[in-house]
Amino acid sequence: TVSVLYWKISTTPQKGMATIFCCRFNQHPGPRGQLAGTVYNETRGCCCDGPADLYDTDDTWQESYVSQLFYSFFDLALDLWAAFAVFVKYVWSAETLLALTTSVLSVLAYDRYGQRLSGEMSWTLVSFAVVFPLTMSITQAFVRRDDALKALATLRGLLFNIMSAHARWDWVGSDKMYNGRTAPTTKPKPPAVGETAEEHVLRTTHGLEAQTLILNLCGAIRCYLLVPRKGRARHVYTSCGQEESEWVGWAEEVGADKVTKLIGRLHGATEELKSKGLPPNEASRINQYLFFLTREWEVIRTLKEYRTPQAMRSFSRVVVHTLPMFYGPYFLHLSKGDTMTESNIVFACAFSGVITVFMCSLLLVQTSLENPFDTKSLDTVKVDVEMGRTRRLIQSLYADLSNEWRDAPPELSAQSPDDLTFKYGSPDLLVREESWSGSAGRSSKLLTPMALPLS
């Protein structure tokens, strides 16, 4: 079930009266999908029956215990199916297939050529050599993901306040009225020779230009975050990996250069406000916002370009693929038993494969979290969602400039979830696919920044 809390403030003239309508909506069709609610009277401080038109008076939403149990099992079945789907998504890979083949062949080889080596073995080595390093790496990668989310949230808040400053902040004009954005001003800089007082007024398009600049900045950050990531061992010890690393490094530098230039242009927009009369202390506050913005951008860039310890990741991968070769005698012991007369080789191979798949799953989960901005993982930052949310925030702020702060709050304009999904299109499509071929003939696709509409 999905519980929805809907707040509705009544327009009744009584002082201190507020009506809060709480409704419960269930996603299942039929009687279970109806609404039911109560009205909270703020004056009385209690819940009472509300008007009949606010909610369905039918009590069928209060299901019997049998119905609740049935839907609980139904939800459990959905959760289990989804969990197996996630498990298969992470495990289904060439790495798992290679490790699984190695583990099964190791058991068969010991069964044919090394039956005298059968015996009990301790699993302490697996705990310290595989499970513990992998779980620590997963923890570190998840902490980095959270740090990236915090940095993006701080960056979104800073962009909102910078946009608000450029679009809403006002100051005292030359006529001593609080209309410096629209009235001529002679402070702090008088009109230049040949410039009229009207020309010294801040352009009416300044807010729109600031919005365009910030939206381009959001697109440039998105473009940079979607660039593939370097830092793997193959990028150091193989020739084609080194060439790939050079291409990725070039794309990162181009994207970072675009972001840096756009932040610099925000400083120029602040200087224009100051030249048209914005007090220095308020201009200093905007520059402080820009300093914080630059700092958060550098944090995001660091999280993007640096990884968890390469030595630990390489060690874990080698151990996962070679460990079944050394634990073959243990699985052979499971097959033959203490008397060496039994023959359960199928169970031994299956048990060895299950252990290997579980270790590979930990390795693949850790690998999927390496890049906190990876678009293929379920648990990394959703770059398109986060940057689309930032763009909608800026656009919503600019669209509300014509309203006064005392006006009634705007209604929700979105009619469906699709209306809240930001779709990048021209000229906001800031990445393109370029093909390259390595020295070994290997081809790949790389997302590279396109020319941003900076004007």
Foldseek 3Di string as FASTA:
>chain_A
DDFDFAQDFDPDPDPPWGWGWGWGADPDDDPLGFIDTWIATRVVRDTDHDDCVRGPPDPPNPDDPVVVVVVVVVVVVVVVVVVVVQLCLLLPDPLLVLLLVLLLVLLVVCVVPPLVLADDDDCVCCVVQFVVLLVVLLVVLLVLQVLLVVLLVLLLVLLLVLLCCQQPDFDQACVRDGHLQQFFHPPPHHDDVPDDSNNLHHDPCRSVLSLLLVLLLLLLLLLLLAWDAADAPCCPPPQLNVVVVVVSVVQNVVSVVSNVVSLVVSLVSLVSVVSSPDDPVVSVVNVVSSVSSVVSSVSNSVLQHDWPDNVSLVSNSVCLRCVSNVCSSHLSCVQQPPVNPHGPSVVSSVVSSVVSSVSSSSSSSSVVSGRLSDCSDPSHDPSQLSSLVSSVSSVVVNVCSVDDPPDDDDDDPDPDVVVSRDDQDPPSPFWDWDWDATPVRDIDITIHGDDGPND
